[in-house]
Amino acid sequence: MPMLTVRNLPDDVYRALKQQAALHGHSTEAEVGAILASAVRPETRIRLGDALSALSHQIGLTNADFDALERVRDRTPDVPMGFDDDS
C-alpha cells in the first residue's frame, strides 16, 4: 500500500488529529486516511450503477424490457483482432 509523508504540519493540527483519532477509536494514521478518503471520495458522488438504476426507473423500464433485449441480442462470438497483413 502506498505511503504518504506530510511535512511541516503545524503542531496544533497534529494535536487536533490525535484528539479526533482518539475520539473515533483510530490511530492517528488511520484517522488521516479516513479524512483523505472522505475528501477525495465524498458520499455525495454519483455512482454509475445508481445513476443507471435511477434512470431506468425514471423512464419506466421493466424486467420484460430487459428480457426482450436479451432475446434479440447477437450472440455471435467476436473475431479476435489480428496483427498479420492478411487479416
N, C-alpha and C. Protein backbone atom coordinates (compact mmCIF):
# COMPACT_ATOMS: atom_id res chain seq x y z
N MET A 1 0.85 -1.17 0.00
CA MET A 1 0.00 0.00 0.00
C MET A 1 0.90 1.24 0.00
N PRO A 2 0.56 2.24 -0.75
CA PRO A 2 1.38 3.46 -0.80
C PRO A 2 1.45 4.16 0.55
N MET A 3 2.54 4.88 0.74
CA MET A 3 2.72 5.66 1.96
C MET A 3 2.75 7.14 1.59
N LEU A 4 2.40 7.97 2.55
CA LEU A 4 2.38 9.41 2.34
C LEU A 4 3.03 10.07 3.54
N THR A 5 3.93 10.98 3.29
CA THR A 5 4.57 11.74 4.36
C THR A 5 4.12 13.19 4.25
N VAL A 6 3.67 13.75 5.36
CA VAL A 6 3.25 15.15 5.39
C VAL A 6 4.29 15.90 6.20
N ARG A 7 4.96 16.81 5.57
CA ARG A 7 5.99 17.59 6.25
C ARG A 7 5.44 18.94 6.69
N ASN A 8 6.07 19.49 7.70
CA ASN A 8 5.76 20.84 8.20
C ASN A 8 4.30 20.99 8.64
N LEU A 9 3.76 19.94 9.24
CA LEU A 9 2.40 20.00 9.77
C LEU A 9 2.44 20.79 11.07
N PRO A 10 1.65 21.82 11.20
CA PRO A 10 1.65 22.60 12.43
C PRO A 10 1.30 21.73 13.64
N ASP A 11 1.93 22.04 14.76
CA ASP A 11 1.73 21.26 15.99
C ASP A 11 0.26 21.21 16.40
N ASP A 12 -0.44 22.34 16.26
CA ASP A 12 -1.84 22.35 16.68
C ASP A 12 -2.70 21.46 15.79
N VAL A 13 -2.38 21.36 14.52
CA VAL A 13 -3.12 20.49 13.61
C VAL A 13 -2.86 19.03 13.99
N TYR A 14 -1.61 18.70 14.28
CA TYR A 14 -1.27 17.33 14.68
C TYR A 14 -1.98 16.94 15.98
N ARG A 15 -1.99 17.84 16.94
CA ARG A 15 -2.69 17.56 18.20
C ARG A 15 -4.18 17.35 17.96
N ALA A 16 -4.76 18.17 17.10
CA ALA A 16 -6.19 18.03 16.80
C ALA A 16 -6.47 16.69 16.11
N LEU A 17 -5.58 16.28 15.21
CA LEU A 17 -5.72 14.98 14.55
C LEU A 17 -5.66 13.84 15.56
N LYS A 18 -4.70 13.92 16.48
CA LYS A 18 -4.57 12.88 17.50
C LYS A 18 -5.82 12.81 18.37
N GLN A 19 -6.35 13.97 18.72
CA GLN A 19 -7.54 14.02 19.57
C GLN A 19 -8.75 13.45 18.82
N GLN A 20 -8.90 13.83 17.56
CA GLN A 20 -10.02 13.34 16.75
C GLN A 20 -9.91 11.82 16.56
N ALA A 21 -8.69 11.34 16.33
CA ALA A 21 -8.47 9.90 16.17
C ALA A 21 -8.87 9.16 17.44
N ALA A 22 -8.49 9.70 18.59
CA ALA A 22 -8.84 9.06 19.86
C ALA A 22 -10.36 9.02 20.05
N LEU A 23 -11.04 10.09 19.67
CA LEU A 23 -12.50 10.12 19.79
C LEU A 23 -13.16 9.06 18.92
N HIS A 24 -12.56 8.78 17.77
CA HIS A 24 -13.11 7.77 16.84
C HIS A 24 -12.54 6.38 17.09
N GLY A 25 -11.62 6.26 18.05
CA GLY A 25 -11.03 4.96 18.33
C GLY A 25 -10.06 4.49 17.27
N HIS A 26 -9.45 5.43 16.56
CA HIS A 26 -8.49 5.13 15.49
C HIS A 26 -7.09 5.56 15.91
N SER A 27 -6.12 5.03 15.17
CA SER A 27 -4.78 5.59 15.28
C SER A 27 -4.78 6.91 14.51
N THR A 28 -3.78 7.72 14.76
CA THR A 28 -3.68 8.99 14.02
C THR A 28 -3.56 8.71 12.53
N GLU A 29 -2.77 7.71 12.18
CA GLU A 29 -2.60 7.35 10.77
C GLU A 29 -3.92 6.92 10.13
N ALA A 30 -4.70 6.10 10.82
CA ALA A 30 -6.00 5.66 10.29
C ALA A 30 -6.95 6.84 10.16
N GLU A 31 -6.90 7.76 11.12
CA GLU A 31 -7.77 8.94 11.06
C GLU A 31 -7.44 9.81 9.86
N VAL A 32 -6.15 10.02 9.61
CA VAL A 32 -5.74 10.81 8.45
C VAL A 32 -6.19 10.12 7.17
N GLY A 33 -6.05 8.79 7.11
CA GLY A 33 -6.51 8.05 5.94
C GLY A 33 -8.00 8.21 5.71
N ALA A 34 -8.79 8.16 6.79
CA ALA A 34 -10.24 8.33 6.68
C ALA A 34 -10.59 9.73 6.21
N ILE A 35 -9.88 10.73 6.73
CA ILE A 35 -10.14 12.12 6.33
C ILE A 35 -9.82 12.30 4.84
N LEU A 36 -8.69 11.77 4.40
CA LEU A 36 -8.31 11.89 3.00
C LEU A 36 -9.30 11.15 2.10
N ALA A 37 -9.72 9.95 2.50
CA ALA A 37 -10.68 9.19 1.69
C ALA A 37 -11.99 9.94 1.55
N SER A 38 -12.48 10.53 2.63
CA SER A 38 -13.75 11.25 2.54
C SER A 38 -13.60 12.53 1.71
N ALA A 39 -12.40 13.08 1.66
CA ALA A 39 -12.18 14.29 0.87
C ALA A 39 -12.16 13.99 -0.63
N VAL A 40 -11.60 12.86 -1.01
CA VAL A 40 -11.48 12.57 -2.44
C VAL A 40 -12.59 11.66 -2.95
N ARG A 41 -13.32 11.01 -2.04
CA ARG A 41 -14.44 10.17 -2.42
C ARG A 41 -15.64 10.51 -1.55
N PRO A 42 -16.22 11.67 -1.76
CA PRO A 42 -17.33 12.10 -0.89
C PRO A 42 -18.56 11.20 -1.07
N GLU A 43 -19.36 11.10 -0.03
CA GLU A 43 -20.58 10.29 -0.06
C GLU A 43 -21.55 10.78 -1.13
N THR A 44 -21.47 12.04 -1.49
CA THR A 44 -22.42 12.61 -2.45
C THR A 44 -22.04 12.36 -3.91
N ARG A 45 -20.92 11.63 -4.13
CA ARG A 45 -20.53 11.39 -5.52
C ARG A 45 -21.55 10.50 -6.20
N ILE A 46 -21.68 10.66 -7.49
CA ILE A 46 -22.64 9.88 -8.26
C ILE A 46 -21.98 8.59 -8.70
N ARG A 47 -22.58 7.48 -8.33
CA ARG A 47 -22.08 6.17 -8.74
C ARG A 47 -22.82 5.76 -10.01
N LEU A 48 -22.10 5.22 -10.98
CA LEU A 48 -22.68 4.90 -12.29
C LEU A 48 -23.85 3.93 -12.17
N GLY A 49 -23.68 2.87 -11.38
CA GLY A 49 -24.76 1.88 -11.23
C GLY A 49 -26.03 2.50 -10.66
N ASP A 50 -25.85 3.34 -9.65
CA ASP A 50 -27.01 4.01 -9.05
C ASP A 50 -27.68 4.95 -10.04
N ALA A 51 -26.87 5.65 -10.83
CA ALA A 51 -27.43 6.58 -11.82
C ALA A 51 -28.20 5.83 -12.90
N LEU A 52 -27.66 4.71 -13.36
CA LEU A 52 -28.35 3.93 -14.40
C LEU A 52 -29.64 3.32 -13.85
N SER A 53 -29.61 2.85 -12.62
CA SER A 53 -30.81 2.30 -12.00
C SER A 53 -31.89 3.37 -11.87
N ALA A 54 -31.49 4.55 -11.40
CA ALA A 54 -32.46 5.64 -11.26
C ALA A 54 -33.05 6.03 -12.61
N LEU A 55 -32.20 6.06 -13.64
CA LEU A 55 -32.68 6.42 -14.97
C LEU A 55 -33.67 5.39 -15.49
N SER A 56 -33.37 4.10 -15.29
CA SER A 56 -34.30 3.06 -15.79
C SER A 56 -35.63 3.13 -15.06
N HIS A 57 -35.61 3.45 -13.76
CA HIS A 57 -36.87 3.62 -13.03
C HIS A 57 -37.62 4.85 -13.52
N GLN A 58 -36.87 5.90 -13.80
CA GLN A 58 -37.47 7.16 -14.24
C GLN A 58 -38.20 7.00 -15.57
N ILE A 59 -37.60 6.25 -16.49
CA ILE A 59 -38.24 6.10 -17.81
C ILE A 59 -39.18 4.90 -17.88
N GLY A 60 -39.26 4.14 -16.77
CA GLY A 60 -40.25 3.07 -16.68
C GLY A 60 -39.81 1.74 -17.27
N LEU A 61 -38.52 1.46 -17.35
CA LEU A 61 -38.08 0.16 -17.86
C LEU A 61 -38.47 -0.93 -16.86
N THR A 62 -38.86 -2.08 -17.40
CA THR A 62 -39.23 -3.21 -16.56
C THR A 62 -38.34 -4.41 -16.91
N ASN A 63 -38.48 -5.47 -16.13
CA ASN A 63 -37.73 -6.70 -16.42
C ASN A 63 -38.12 -7.25 -17.79
N ALA A 64 -39.38 -7.06 -18.19
CA ALA A 64 -39.83 -7.52 -19.50
C ALA A 64 -39.06 -6.82 -20.62
N ASP A 65 -38.75 -5.55 -20.43
CA ASP A 65 -37.96 -4.81 -21.43
C ASP A 65 -36.56 -5.42 -21.55
N PHE A 66 -35.96 -5.74 -20.42
CA PHE A 66 -34.62 -6.31 -20.45
C PHE A 66 -34.65 -7.72 -21.05
N ASP A 67 -35.70 -8.48 -20.76
CA ASP A 67 -35.84 -9.81 -21.36
C ASP A 67 -35.95 -9.72 -22.87
N ALA A 68 -36.69 -8.74 -23.36
CA ALA A 68 -36.84 -8.56 -24.82
C ALA A 68 -35.50 -8.21 -25.45
N LEU A 69 -34.72 -7.36 -24.81
CA LEU A 69 -33.40 -7.02 -25.33
C LEU A 69 -32.49 -8.24 -25.34
N GLU A 70 -32.59 -9.05 -24.33
CA GLU A 70 -31.75 -10.25 -24.23
C GLU A 70 -32.09 -11.25 -25.34
N ARG A 71 -33.36 -11.34 -25.72
CA ARG A 71 -33.77 -12.29 -26.77
C ARG A 71 -33.21 -11.89 -28.13
N VAL A 72 -33.08 -10.61 -28.42
CA VAL A 72 -32.63 -10.18 -29.76
C VAL A 72 -31.13 -9.89 -29.80
N ARG A 73 -30.45 -10.11 -28.70
CA ARG A 73 -29.01 -9.83 -28.64
C ARG A 73 -28.23 -10.78 -29.53
N ASP A 74 -27.29 -10.22 -30.27
CA ASP A 74 -26.43 -11.01 -31.15
C ASP A 74 -25.40 -11.74 -30.29
N ARG A 75 -25.42 -13.07 -30.34
CA ARG A 75 -24.52 -13.87 -29.52
C ARG A 75 -23.37 -14.46 -30.34
N THR A 76 -23.18 -13.96 -31.57
CA THR A 76 -22.07 -14.43 -32.39
C THR A 76 -20.76 -14.00 -31.75
N PRO A 77 -19.83 -14.97 -31.54
CA PRO A 77 -18.56 -14.59 -30.93
C PRO A 77 -17.79 -13.61 -31.80
N ASP A 78 -17.11 -12.70 -31.18
CA ASP A 78 -16.27 -11.76 -31.91
C ASP A 78 -15.05 -12.47 -32.46
N VAL A 79 -14.56 -11.96 -33.58
CA VAL A 79 -13.33 -12.49 -34.15
C VAL A 79 -12.19 -11.64 -33.59
N PRO A 80 -11.19 -12.30 -32.97
CA PRO A 80 -10.09 -11.53 -32.39
C PRO A 80 -9.35 -10.73 -33.46
N MET A 81 -8.85 -9.58 -33.07
CA MET A 81 -8.09 -8.72 -33.95
C MET A 81 -6.77 -9.41 -34.27
N GLY A 82 -6.37 -9.35 -35.55
CA GLY A 82 -5.10 -9.95 -35.94
C GLY A 82 -4.09 -8.88 -36.27
N PHE A 83 -2.83 -9.26 -36.16
CA PHE A 83 -1.75 -8.33 -36.48
C PHE A 83 -1.02 -8.72 -37.76
N ASP A 84 -1.51 -9.75 -38.42
CA ASP A 84 -0.91 -10.18 -39.69
C ASP A 84 -1.40 -9.28 -40.81
N ASP A 85 -0.63 -9.23 -41.90
CA ASP A 85 -1.01 -8.40 -43.04
C ASP A 85 -2.25 -8.91 -43.76
N ASP A 86 -2.55 -10.20 -43.68
CA ASP A 86 -3.68 -10.76 -44.41
C ASP A 86 -4.95 -10.87 -43.57
N SER A 87 -5.04 -10.10 -42.49
CA SER A 87 -6.23 -10.21 -41.64
C SER A 87 -7.30 -9.25 -42.06
